[in-house]
Amino acid sequence: EADKTYLAQIKLGVSTATADAEGEVLATKAVEVSAEQLAAALH
């Protein structure tokens, strides 16, 4: 039941069926994300 802590690496621009690196690639897009846009999204 305890809280867990993770270090997660995320790849932008590629969507997969399983939402991880093991899944079939569903779509790819160019990545044009600024540090400010990322910070706002993470909030």
Full PDB file with SEQRES, HELIX, SHEET, SSBOND, CRYST1, ORIGX, SCALE, CONECT and MASTER records, all heavy atoms in Angstrom:
SEQRES   1 A   43  GLU ALA ASP LYS THR TYR LEU ALA GLN ILE LYS LEU GLY          
SEQRES   2 A   43  VAL SER THR ALA THR ALA ASP ALA GLU GLY GLU VAL LEU          
SEQRES   3 A   43  ALA THR LYS ALA VAL GLU VAL SER ALA GLU GLN LEU ALA          
SEQRES   4 A   43  ALA ALA LEU HIS                                              
HELIX    1 AA1 ALA A   35  LEU A   42  1                                   8    
SHEET    1 AA1 2 VAL A  14  THR A  16  0                                        
SHEET    2 AA1 2 VAL A  25  THR A  28 -1                                        
CRYST1    1.000    1.000    1.000  90.00  90.00  90.00 P 1           1          
ORIGX1      1.000000  0.000000  0.000000        0.00000                         
ORIGX2      0.000000  1.000000  0.000000        0.00000                         
ORIGX3      0.000000  0.000000  1.000000        0.00000                         
SCALE1      1.000000  0.000000  0.000000        0.00000                         
SCALE2      0.000000  1.000000  0.000000        0.00000                         
SCALE3      0.000000  0.000000  1.000000        0.00000                         
ATOM      1  N   GLU A   1       0.806  -1.213   0.000  1.00  0.00           N  
ATOM      2  CA  GLU A   1       0.000   0.000   0.000  1.00  0.00           C  
ATOM      3  C   GLU A   1       0.841   1.266   0.000  1.00  0.00           C  
ATOM      4  O   GLU A   1       0.325   2.365  -0.231  1.00  0.00           O  
ATOM      5  CB  GLU A   1      -0.911   0.021   1.238  1.00  0.00           C  
ATOM      6  CG  GLU A   1      -1.939  -1.096   1.279  1.00  0.00           C  
ATOM      7  CD  GLU A   1      -3.031  -0.921   0.234  1.00  0.00           C  
ATOM      8  OE1 GLU A   1      -3.325   0.228  -0.116  1.00  0.00           O  
ATOM      9  OE2 GLU A   1      -3.550  -1.945  -0.258  1.00  0.00           O  
ATOM     10  N   ALA A   2       2.142   1.142   0.246  1.00  0.00           N  
ATOM     11  CA  ALA A   2       3.005   2.307   0.426  1.00  0.00           C  
ATOM     12  C   ALA A   2       3.212   3.078  -0.868  1.00  0.00           C  
ATOM     13  O   ALA A   2       3.063   2.548  -1.973  1.00  0.00           O  
ATOM     14  CB  ALA A   2       4.360   1.864   0.982  1.00  0.00           C  
ATOM     15  N   ASP A   3       3.576   4.351  -0.736  1.00  0.00           N  
ATOM     16  CA  ASP A   3       3.950   5.158  -1.885  1.00  0.00           C  
ATOM     17  C   ASP A   3       5.217   4.591  -2.516  1.00  0.00           C  
ATOM     18  O   ASP A   3       6.065   4.004  -1.826  1.00  0.00           O  
ATOM     19  CB  ASP A   3       4.204   6.607  -1.462  1.00  0.00           C  
ATOM     20  CG  ASP A   3       2.955   7.286  -0.937  1.00  0.00           C  
ATOM     21  OD1 ASP A   3       1.842   6.857  -1.298  1.00  0.00           O  
ATOM     22  OD2 ASP A   3       3.090   8.253  -0.156  1.00  0.00           O  
ATOM     23  N   LYS A   4       5.336   4.774  -3.826  1.00  0.00           N  
ATOM     24  CA  LYS A   4       6.514   4.317  -4.566  1.00  0.00           C  
ATOM     25  C   LYS A   4       7.162   5.505  -5.270  1.00  0.00           C  
ATOM     26  O   LYS A   4       6.487   6.484  -5.604  1.00  0.00           O  
ATOM     27  CB  LYS A   4       6.122   3.257  -5.610  1.00  0.00           C  
ATOM     28  CG  LYS A   4       5.277   2.096  -5.094  1.00  0.00           C  
ATOM     29  CD  LYS A   4       5.998   1.236  -4.102  1.00  0.00           C  
ATOM     30  CE  LYS A   4       5.260  -0.063  -3.786  1.00  0.00           C  
ATOM     31  NZ  LYS A   4       3.904   0.114  -3.249  1.00  0.00           N  
ATOM     32  N   THR A   5       8.473   5.403  -5.494  1.00  0.00           N  
ATOM     33  CA  THR A   5       9.205   6.440  -6.219  1.00  0.00           C  
ATOM     34  C   THR A   5       9.876   5.816  -7.431  1.00  0.00           C  
ATOM     35  O   THR A   5      10.453   4.723  -7.343  1.00  0.00           O  
ATOM     36  CB  THR A   5      10.266   7.112  -5.326  1.00  0.00           C  
ATOM     37  OG1 THR A   5       9.611   7.719  -4.200  1.00  0.00           O  
ATOM     38  CG2 THR A   5      11.017   8.197  -6.087  1.00  0.00           C  
ATOM     39  N   TYR A   6       9.775   6.496  -8.564  1.00  0.00           N  
ATOM     40  CA  TYR A   6      10.308   5.985  -9.827  1.00  0.00           C  
ATOM     41  C   TYR A   6      11.141   7.051 -10.529  1.00  0.00           C  
ATOM     42  O   TYR A   6      10.889   8.252 -10.384  1.00  0.00           O  
ATOM     43  CB  TYR A   6       9.174   5.577 -10.773  1.00  0.00           C  
ATOM     44  CG  TYR A   6       8.280   4.490 -10.257  1.00  0.00           C  
ATOM     45  CD1 TYR A   6       7.122   4.792  -9.544  1.00  0.00           C  
ATOM     46  CD2 TYR A   6       8.571   3.146 -10.485  1.00  0.00           C  
ATOM     47  CE1 TYR A   6       6.284   3.787  -9.071  1.00  0.00           C  
ATOM     48  CE2 TYR A   6       7.743   2.144 -10.018  1.00  0.00           C  
ATOM     49  CZ  TYR A   6       6.606   2.467  -9.317  1.00  0.00           C  
ATOM     50  OH  TYR A   6       5.773   1.472  -8.845  1.00  0.00           O  
ATOM     51  N   LEU A   7      12.094   6.594 -11.317  1.00  0.00           N  
ATOM     52  CA  LEU A   7      12.775   7.438 -12.284  1.00  0.00           C  
ATOM     53  C   LEU A   7      12.296   6.973 -13.656  1.00  0.00           C  
ATOM     54  O   LEU A   7      12.531   5.823 -14.049  1.00  0.00           O  
ATOM     55  CB  LEU A   7      14.294   7.312 -12.172  1.00  0.00           C  
ATOM     56  CG  LEU A   7      15.095   8.212 -13.112  1.00  0.00           C  
ATOM     57  CD1 LEU A   7      14.812   9.687 -12.819  1.00  0.00           C  
ATOM     58  CD2 LEU A   7      16.588   7.941 -12.989  1.00  0.00           C  
ATOM     59  N   ALA A   8      11.582   7.849 -14.364  1.00  0.00           N  
ATOM     60  CA  ALA A   8      10.963   7.489 -15.634  1.00  0.00           C  
ATOM     61  C   ALA A   8      11.595   8.284 -16.768  1.00  0.00           C  
ATOM     62  O   ALA A   8      11.716   9.501 -16.690  1.00  0.00           O  
ATOM     63  CB  ALA A   8       9.466   7.778 -15.587  1.00  0.00           C  
ATOM     64  N   GLN A   9      11.983   7.574 -17.830  1.00  0.00           N  
ATOM     65  CA  GLN A   9      12.429   8.235 -19.051  1.00  0.00           C  
ATOM     66  C   GLN A   9      11.304   8.168 -20.069  1.00  0.00           C  
ATOM     67  O   GLN A   9      10.724   7.097 -20.297  1.00  0.00           O  
ATOM     68  CB  GLN A   9      13.687   7.573 -19.602  1.00  0.00           C  
ATOM     69  CG  GLN A   9      14.923   7.778 -18.740  1.00  0.00           C  
ATOM     70  CD  GLN A   9      16.186   7.300 -19.437  1.00  0.00           C  
ATOM     71  OE1 GLN A   9      16.313   7.400 -20.656  1.00  0.00           O  
ATOM     72  NE2 GLN A   9      17.123   6.785 -18.656  1.00  0.00           N  
ATOM     73  N   ILE A  10      10.993   9.295 -20.669  1.00  0.00           N  
ATOM     74  CA  ILE A  10       9.868   9.411 -21.598  1.00  0.00           C  
ATOM     75  C   ILE A  10      10.373   9.872 -22.955  1.00  0.00           C  
ATOM     76  O   ILE A  10      11.199  10.788 -23.046  1.00  0.00           O  
ATOM     77  CB  ILE A  10       8.817  10.391 -21.045  1.00  0.00           C  
ATOM     78  CG1 ILE A  10       8.217   9.835 -19.746  1.00  0.00           C  
ATOM     79  CG2 ILE A  10       7.724  10.661 -22.068  1.00  0.00           C  
ATOM     80  CD1 ILE A  10       7.304  10.795 -19.020  1.00  0.00           C  
ATOM     81  N   LYS A  11       9.889   9.201 -24.000  1.00  0.00           N  
ATOM     82  CA  LYS A  11      10.226   9.562 -25.377  1.00  0.00           C  
ATOM     83  C   LYS A  11       9.037  10.276 -26.003  1.00  0.00           C  
ATOM     84  O   LYS A  11       7.942   9.724 -26.088  1.00  0.00           O  
ATOM     85  CB  LYS A  11      10.554   8.297 -26.168  1.00  0.00           C  
ATOM     86  CG  LYS A  11      10.572   8.511 -27.678  1.00  0.00           C  
ATOM     87  CD  LYS A  11      11.946   8.593 -28.202  1.00  0.00           C  
ATOM     88  CE  LYS A  11      11.943   8.544 -29.731  1.00  0.00           C  
ATOM     89  NZ  LYS A  11      12.692   9.649 -30.295  1.00  0.00           N  
ATOM     90  N   LEU A  12       9.244  11.509 -26.402  1.00  0.00           N  
ATOM     91  CA  LEU A  12       8.198  12.294 -27.044  1.00  0.00           C  
ATOM     92  C   LEU A  12       8.153  11.999 -28.541  1.00  0.00           C  
ATOM     93  O   LEU A  12       9.148  11.594 -29.141  1.00  0.00           O  
ATOM     94  CB  LEU A  12       8.448  13.786 -26.826  1.00  0.00           C  
ATOM     95  CG  LEU A  12       8.527  14.284 -25.378  1.00  0.00           C  
ATOM     96  CD1 LEU A  12       8.847  15.771 -25.353  1.00  0.00           C  
ATOM     97  CD2 LEU A  12       7.242  13.998 -24.623  1.00  0.00           C  
ATOM     98  N   GLY A  13       6.979  12.207 -29.131  1.00  0.00           N  
ATOM     99  CA  GLY A  13       6.845  12.087 -30.575  1.00  0.00           C  
ATOM    100  C   GLY A  13       6.474  10.718 -31.090  1.00  0.00           C  
ATOM    101  O   GLY A  13       6.229  10.552 -32.287  1.00  0.00           O  
ATOM    102  N   VAL A  14       6.422   9.721 -30.211  1.00  0.00           N  
ATOM    103  CA  VAL A  14       6.091   8.353 -30.626  1.00  0.00           C  
ATOM    104  C   VAL A  14       5.048   7.785 -29.664  1.00  0.00           C  
ATOM    105  O   VAL A  14       5.305   7.667 -28.468  1.00  0.00           O  
ATOM    106  CB  VAL A  14       7.328   7.438 -30.650  1.00  0.00           C  
ATOM    107  CG1 VAL A  14       6.939   6.031 -31.078  1.00  0.00           C  
ATOM    108  CG2 VAL A  14       8.415   7.997 -31.560  1.00  0.00           C  
ATOM    109  N   SER A  15       3.881   7.440 -30.191  1.00  0.00           N  
ATOM    110  CA  SER A  15       2.828   6.804 -29.400  1.00  0.00           C  
ATOM    111  C   SER A  15       2.821   5.311 -29.688  1.00  0.00           C  
ATOM    112  O   SER A  15       2.967   4.904 -30.849  1.00  0.00           O  
ATOM    113  CB  SER A  15       1.455   7.386 -29.751  1.00  0.00           C  
ATOM    114  OG  SER A  15       1.430   8.780 -29.549  1.00  0.00           O  
ATOM    115  N   THR A  16       2.665   4.492 -28.663  1.00  0.00           N  
ATOM    116  CA  THR A  16       2.641   3.037 -28.848  1.00  0.00           C  
ATOM    117  C   THR A  16       1.371   2.441 -28.248  1.00  0.00           C  
ATOM    118  O   THR A  16       0.707   3.058 -27.408  1.00  0.00           O  
ATOM    119  CB  THR A  16       3.868   2.362 -28.193  1.00  0.00           C  
ATOM    120  OG1 THR A  16       3.726   2.389 -26.766  1.00  0.00           O  
ATOM    121  CG2 THR A  16       5.164   3.058 -28.597  1.00  0.00           C  
ATOM    122  N   ALA A  17       1.056   1.226 -28.653  1.00  0.00           N  
ATOM    123  CA  ALA A  17      -0.169   0.554 -28.210  1.00  0.00           C  
ATOM    124  C   ALA A  17      -0.164   0.286 -26.715  1.00  0.00           C  
ATOM    125  O   ALA A  17      -1.215   0.287 -26.075  1.00  0.00           O  
ATOM    126  CB  ALA A  17      -0.348  -0.748 -28.977  1.00  0.00           C  
ATOM    127  N   THR A  18       1.005   0.052 -26.148  1.00  0.00           N  
ATOM    128  CA  THR A  18       1.107  -0.272 -24.727  1.00  0.00           C  
ATOM    129  C   THR A  18       1.537   0.916 -23.883  1.00  0.00           C  
ATOM    130  O   THR A  18       1.662   0.794 -22.670  1.00  0.00           O  
ATOM    131  CB  THR A  18       2.113  -1.418 -24.515  1.00  0.00           C  
ATOM    132  OG1 THR A  18       3.377  -1.028 -25.072  1.00  0.00           O  
ATOM    133  CG2 THR A  18       1.643  -2.694 -25.185  1.00  0.00           C  
ATOM    134  N   ALA A  19       1.801   2.054 -24.507  1.00  0.00           N  
ATOM    135  CA  ALA A  19       2.293   3.272 -23.847  1.00  0.00           C  
ATOM    136  C   ALA A  19       3.703   3.094 -23.305  1.00  0.00           C  
ATOM    137  O   ALA A  19       4.168   3.905 -22.511  1.00  0.00           O  
ATOM    138  CB  ALA A  19       1.351   3.735 -22.737  1.00  0.00           C  
ATOM    139  N   ASP A  20       4.398   2.018 -23.734  1.00  0.00           N  
ATOM    140  CA  ASP A  20       5.800   1.861 -23.368  1.00  0.00           C  
ATOM    141  C   ASP A  20       6.591   1.412 -24.592  1.00  0.00           C  
ATOM    142  O   ASP A  20       6.043   1.286 -25.694  1.00  0.00           O  
ATOM    143  CB  ASP A  20       5.976   0.896 -22.189  1.00  0.00           C  
ATOM    144  CG  ASP A  20       5.499  -0.525 -22.493  1.00  0.00           C  
ATOM    145  OD1 ASP A  20       5.374  -0.879 -23.676  1.00  0.00           O  
ATOM    146  OD2 ASP A  20       5.248  -1.276 -21.532  1.00  0.00           O  
ATOM    147  N   ALA A  21       7.877   1.148 -24.392  1.00  0.00           N  
ATOM    148  CA  ALA A  21       8.762   0.859 -25.520  1.00  0.00           C  
ATOM    149  C   ALA A  21       8.511  -0.502 -26.147  1.00  0.00           C  
ATOM    150  O   ALA A  21       9.021  -0.788 -27.233  1.00  0.00           O  
ATOM    151  CB  ALA A  21      10.221   0.960 -25.061  1.00  0.00           C  
ATOM    152  N   GLU A  22       7.734  -1.348 -25.479  1.00  0.00           N  
ATOM    153  CA  GLU A  22       7.497  -2.700 -25.963  1.00  0.00           C  
ATOM    154  C   GLU A  22       6.388  -2.763 -27.004  1.00  0.00           C  
ATOM    155  O   GLU A  22       6.291  -3.720 -27.784  1.00  0.00           O  
ATOM    156  CB  GLU A  22       7.156  -3.614 -24.786  1.00  0.00           C  
ATOM    157  CG  GLU A  22       7.189  -5.085 -25.103  1.00  0.00           C  
ATOM    158  CD  GLU A  22       6.992  -5.937 -23.852  1.00  0.00           C  
ATOM    159  OE1 GLU A  22       6.149  -5.561 -23.015  1.00  0.00           O  
ATOM    160  OE2 GLU A  22       7.700  -6.941 -23.704  1.00  0.00           O  
ATOM    161  N   GLY A  23       5.527  -1.751 -27.039  1.00  0.00           N  
ATOM    162  CA  GLY A  23       4.340  -1.820 -27.857  1.00  0.00           C  
ATOM    163  C   GLY A  23       4.535  -1.407 -29.305  1.00  0.00           C  
ATOM    164  O   GLY A  23       5.524  -0.760 -29.676  1.00  0.00           O  
ATOM    165  N   GLU A  24       3.564  -1.785 -30.120  1.00  0.00           N  
ATOM    166  CA  GLU A  24       3.548  -1.421 -31.534  1.00  0.00           C  
ATOM    167  C   GLU A  24       3.421   0.095 -31.665  1.00  0.00           C  
ATOM    168  O   GLU A  24       2.623   0.737 -30.961  1.00  0.00           O  
ATOM    169  CB  GLU A  24       2.361  -2.098 -32.216  1.00  0.00           C  
ATOM    170  CG  GLU A  24       2.145  -1.703 -33.662  1.00  0.00           C  
ATOM    171  CD  GLU A  24       0.822  -2.206 -34.212  1.00  0.00           C  
ATOM    172  OE1 GLU A  24       0.093  -2.890 -33.453  1.00  0.00           O  
ATOM    173  OE2 GLU A  24       0.524  -1.901 -35.381  1.00  0.00           O  
ATOM    174  N   VAL A  25       4.206   0.676 -32.560  1.00  0.00           N  
ATOM    175  CA  VAL A  25       4.140   2.112 -32.797  1.00  0.00           C  
ATOM    176  C   VAL A  25       2.847   2.445 -33.520  1.00  0.00           C  
ATOM    177  O   VAL A  25       2.530   1.875 -34.568  1.00  0.00           O  
ATOM    178  CB  VAL A  25       5.352   2.605 -33.614  1.00  0.00           C  
ATOM    179  CG1 VAL A  25       5.185   4.077 -33.991  1.00  0.00           C  
ATOM    180  CG2 VAL A  25       6.642   2.404 -32.823  1.00  0.00           C  
ATOM    181  N   LEU A  26       2.059   3.372 -32.942  1.00  0.00           N  
ATOM    182  CA  LEU A  26       0.775   3.764 -33.524  1.00  0.00           C  
ATOM    183  C   LEU A  26       0.875   5.048 -34.329  1.00  0.00           C  
ATOM    184  O   LEU A  26       0.164   5.221 -35.321  1.00  0.00           O  
ATOM    185  CB  LEU A  26      -0.265   3.939 -32.414  1.00  0.00           C  
ATOM    186  CG  LEU A  26      -0.574   2.715 -31.548  1.00  0.00           C  
ATOM    187  CD1 LEU A  26      -1.587   3.073 -30.479  1.00  0.00           C  
ATOM    188  CD2 LEU A  26      -1.071   1.558 -32.405  1.00  0.00           C  
ATOM    189  N   ALA A  27       1.746   5.960 -33.894  1.00  0.00           N  
ATOM    190  CA  ALA A  27       1.865   7.256 -34.574  1.00  0.00           C  
ATOM    191  C   ALA A  27       3.188   7.902 -34.218  1.00  0.00           C  
ATOM    192  O   ALA A  27       3.725   7.691 -33.124  1.00  0.00           O  
ATOM    193  CB  ALA A  27       0.706   8.176 -34.178  1.00  0.00           C  
ATOM    194  N   THR A  28       3.698   8.686 -35.138  1.00  0.00           N  
ATOM    195  CA  THR A  28       4.900   9.489 -34.874  1.00  0.00           C  
ATOM    196  C   THR A  28       4.620  10.929 -35.298  1.00  0.00           C  
ATOM    197  O   THR A  28       3.913  11.176 -36.288  1.00  0.00           O  
ATOM    198  CB  THR A  28       6.123   8.963 -35.641  1.00  0.00           C  
ATOM    199  OG1 THR A  28       5.845   8.988 -37.047  1.00  0.00           O  
ATOM    200  CG2 THR A  28       6.463   7.545 -35.219  1.00  0.00           C  
ATOM    201  N   LYS A  29       5.149  11.874 -34.542  1.00  0.00           N  
ATOM    202  CA  LYS A  29       4.983  13.295 -34.845  1.00  0.00           C  
ATOM    203  C   LYS A  29       6.280  14.025 -34.540  1.00  0.00           C  
ATOM    204  O   LYS A  29       7.059  13.603 -33.675  1.00  0.00           O  
ATOM    205  CB  LYS A  29       3.846  13.896 -34.011  1.00  0.00           C  
ATOM    206  CG  LYS A  29       2.451  13.514 -34.466  1.00  0.00           C  
ATOM    207  CD  LYS A  29       1.403  14.326 -33.716  1.00  0.00           C  
ATOM    208  CE  LYS A  29      -0.002  14.005 -34.197  1.00  0.00           C  
ATOM    209  NZ  LYS A  29      -1.027  14.816 -33.494  1.00  0.00           N  
ATOM    210  N   ALA A  30       6.470  15.122 -35.219  1.00  0.00           N  
ATOM    211  CA  ALA A  30       7.623  15.975 -34.928  1.00  0.00           C  
ATOM    212  C   ALA A  30       7.459  16.578 -33.540  1.00  0.00           C  
ATOM    213  O   ALA A  30       6.339  16.873 -33.093  1.00  0.00           O  
ATOM    214  CB  ALA A  30       7.726  17.075 -35.972  1.00  0.00           C  
ATOM    215  N   VAL A  31       8.567  16.744 -32.854  1.00  0.00           N  
ATOM    216  CA  VAL A  31       8.546  17.285 -31.494  1.00  0.00           C  
ATOM    217  C   VAL A  31       9.056  18.718 -31.523  1.00  0.00           C  
ATOM    218  O   VAL A  31      10.212  18.982 -31.866  1.00  0.00           O  
ATOM    219  CB  VAL A  31       9.412  16.431 -30.545  1.00  0.00           C  
ATOM    220  CG1 VAL A  31       9.432  17.036 -29.150  1.00  0.00           C  
ATOM    221  CG2 VAL A  31       8.894  15.002 -30.500  1.00  0.00           C  
ATOM    222  N   GLU A  32       8.175  19.620 -31.177  1.00  0.00           N  
ATOM    223  CA  GLU A  32       8.538  21.034 -31.077  1.00  0.00           C  
ATOM    224  C   GLU A  32       8.019  21.550 -29.742  1.00  0.00           C  
ATOM    225  O   GLU A  32       7.050  22.297 -29.670  1.00  0.00           O  
ATOM    226  CB  GLU A  32       7.946  21.826 -32.248  1.00  0.00           C  
ATOM    227  CG  GLU A  32       8.466  21.384 -33.617  1.00  0.00           C  
ATOM    228  CD  GLU A  32       7.810  22.131 -34.753  1.00  0.00           C  
ATOM    229  OE1 GLU A  32       6.901  22.942 -34.483  1.00  0.00           O  
ATOM    230  OE2 GLU A  32       8.204  21.905 -35.917  1.00  0.00           O  
ATOM    231  N   VAL A  33       8.658  21.100 -28.683  1.00  0.00           N  
ATOM    232  CA  VAL A  33       8.227  21.403 -27.319  1.00  0.00           C  
ATOM    233  C   VAL A  33       9.309  22.211 -26.629  1.00  0.00           C  
ATOM    234  O   VAL A  33      10.469  21.789 -26.562  1.00  0.00           O  
ATOM    235  CB  VAL A  33       7.943  20.108 -26.533  1.00  0.00           C  
ATOM    236  CG1 VAL A  33       7.590  20.434 -25.085  1.00  0.00           C  
ATOM    237  CG2 VAL A  33       6.824  19.313 -27.188  1.00  0.00           C  
ATOM    238  N   SER A  34       8.946  23.339 -26.103  1.00  0.00           N  
ATOM    239  CA  SER A  34       9.893  24.174 -25.365  1.00  0.00           C  
ATOM    240  C   SER A  34       9.914  23.765 -23.898  1.00  0.00           C  
ATOM    241  O   SER A  34       9.003  23.080 -23.414  1.00  0.00           O  
ATOM    242  CB  SER A  34       9.502  25.653 -25.475  1.00  0.00           C  
ATOM    243  OG  SER A  34       8.286  25.892 -24.775  1.00  0.00           O  
ATOM    244  N   ALA A  35      10.934  24.204 -23.188  1.00  0.00           N  
ATOM    245  CA  ALA A  35      11.025  23.927 -21.753  1.00  0.00           C  
ATOM    246  C   ALA A  35       9.848  24.530 -21.013  1.00  0.00           C  
ATOM    247  O   ALA A  35       9.331  23.940 -20.053  1.00  0.00           O  
ATOM    248  CB  ALA A  35      12.346  24.473 -21.206  1.00  0.00           C  
ATOM    249  N   GLU A  36       9.386  25.700 -21.469  1.00  0.00           N  
ATOM    250  CA  GLU A  36       8.253  26.359 -20.824  1.00  0.00           C  
ATOM    251  C   GLU A  36       6.963  25.570 -21.048  1.00  0.00           C  
ATOM    252  O   GLU A  36       6.148  25.423 -20.129  1.00  0.00           O  
ATOM    253  CB  GLU A  36       8.102  27.790 -21.359  1.00  0.00           C  
ATOM    254  CG  GLU A  36       9.222  28.751 -20.973  1.00  0.00           C  
ATOM    255  CD  GLU A  36      10.509  28.503 -21.743  1.00  0.00           C  
ATOM    256  OE1 GLU A  36      10.447  27.863 -22.829  1.00  0.00           O  
ATOM    257  OE2 GLU A  36      11.572  28.928 -21.260  1.00  0.00           O  
ATOM    258  N   GLN A  37       6.779  25.065 -22.254  1.00  0.00           N  
ATOM    259  CA  GLN A  37       5.586  24.256 -22.544  1.00  0.00           C  
ATOM    260  C   GLN A  37       5.586  22.965 -21.721  1.00  0.00           C  
ATOM    261  O   GLN A  37       4.547  22.540 -21.213  1.00  0.00           O  
ATOM    262  CB  GLN A  37       5.538  23.919 -24.040  1.00  0.00           C  
ATOM    263  CG  GLN A  37       5.193  25.095 -24.930  1.00  0.00           C  
ATOM    264  CD  GLN A  37       5.338  24.755 -26.407  1.00  0.00           C  
ATOM    265  OE1 GLN A  37       6.306  24.101 -26.803  1.00  0.00           O  
ATOM    266  NE2 GLN A  37       4.383  25.179 -27.213  1.00  0.00           N  
ATOM    267  N   LEU A  38       6.748  22.352 -21.602  1.00  0.00           N  
ATOM    268  CA  LEU A  38       6.847  21.126 -20.812  1.00  0.00           C  
ATOM    269  C   LEU A  38       6.541  21.400 -19.353  1.00  0.00           C  
ATOM    270  O   LEU A  38       5.776  20.656 -18.714  1.00  0.00           O  
ATOM    271  CB  LEU A  38       8.242  20.518 -20.957  1.00  0.00           C  
ATOM    272  CG  LEU A  38       8.517  19.257 -20.124  1.00  0.00           C  
ATOM    273  CD1 LEU A  38       7.540  18.138 -20.492  1.00  0.00           C  
ATOM    274  CD2 LEU A  38       9.949  18.795 -20.310  1.00  0.00           C  
ATOM    275  N   ALA A  39       7.103  22.470 -18.792  1.00  0.00           N  
ATOM    276  CA  ALA A  39       6.861  22.805 -17.387  1.00  0.00           C  
ATOM    277  C   ALA A  39       5.378  23.054 -17.133  1.00  0.00           C  
ATOM    278  O   ALA A  39       4.823  22.609 -16.117  1.00  0.00           O  
ATOM    279  CB  ALA A  39       7.683  24.031 -17.001  1.00  0.00           C  
ATOM    280  N   ALA A  40       4.711  23.729 -18.066  1.00  0.00           N  
ATOM    281  CA  ALA A  40       3.284  24.004 -17.908  1.00  0.00           C  
ATOM    282  C   ALA A  40       2.479  22.719 -17.967  1.00  0.00           C  
ATOM    283  O   ALA A  40       1.525  22.523 -17.198  1.00  0.00           O  
ATOM    284  CB  ALA A  40       2.820  24.978 -18.988  1.00  0.00           C  
ATOM    285  N   ALA A  41       2.839  21.814 -18.867  1.00  0.00           N  
ATOM    286  CA  ALA A  41       2.116  20.547 -18.990  1.00  0.00           C  
ATOM    287  C   ALA A  41       2.308  19.673 -17.753  1.00  0.00           C  
ATOM    288  O   ALA A  41       1.370  19.026 -17.285  1.00  0.00           O  
ATOM    289  CB  ALA A  41       2.574  19.806 -20.239  1.00  0.00           C  
ATOM    290  N   LEU A  42       3.510  19.646 -17.232  1.00  0.00           N  
ATOM    291  CA  LEU A  42       3.798  18.808 -16.065  1.00  0.00           C  
ATOM    292  C   LEU A  42       3.026  19.255 -14.835  1.00  0.00           C  
ATOM    293  O   LEU A  42       2.728  18.448 -13.939  1.00  0.00           O  
ATOM    294  CB  LEU A  42       5.295  18.822 -15.764  1.00  0.00           C  
ATOM    295  CG  LEU A  42       6.182  18.064 -16.756  1.00  0.00           C  
ATOM    296  CD1 LEU A  42       7.655  18.261 -16.398  1.00  0.00           C  
ATOM    297  CD2 LEU A  42       5.840  16.586 -16.788  1.00  0.00           C  
ATOM    298  N   HIS A  43       2.701  20.526 -14.756  1.00  0.00           N  
ATOM    299  CA  HIS A  43       2.000  21.053 -13.583  1.00  0.00           C  
ATOM    300  C   HIS A  43       0.677  20.319 -13.350  1.00  0.00           C  
ATOM    301  O   HIS A  43       0.263  20.103 -12.205  1.00  0.00           O  
ATOM    302  CB  HIS A  43       1.745  22.554 -13.761  1.00  0.00           C  
ATOM    303  CG  HIS A  43       1.080  23.186 -12.575  1.00  0.00           C  
ATOM    304  ND1 HIS A  43       1.733  23.393 -11.370  1.00  0.00           N  
ATOM    305  CD2 HIS A  43      -0.199  23.625 -12.400  1.00  0.00           C  
ATOM    306  CE1 HIS A  43       0.893  23.941 -10.500  1.00  0.00           C  
ATOM    307  NE2 HIS A  43      -0.281  24.102 -11.105  1.00  0.00           N  
TER     308      HIS A  43                                                      
MASTER        0    0    0    1    2    0    0    6  307    1    0    4          
END                                                                             
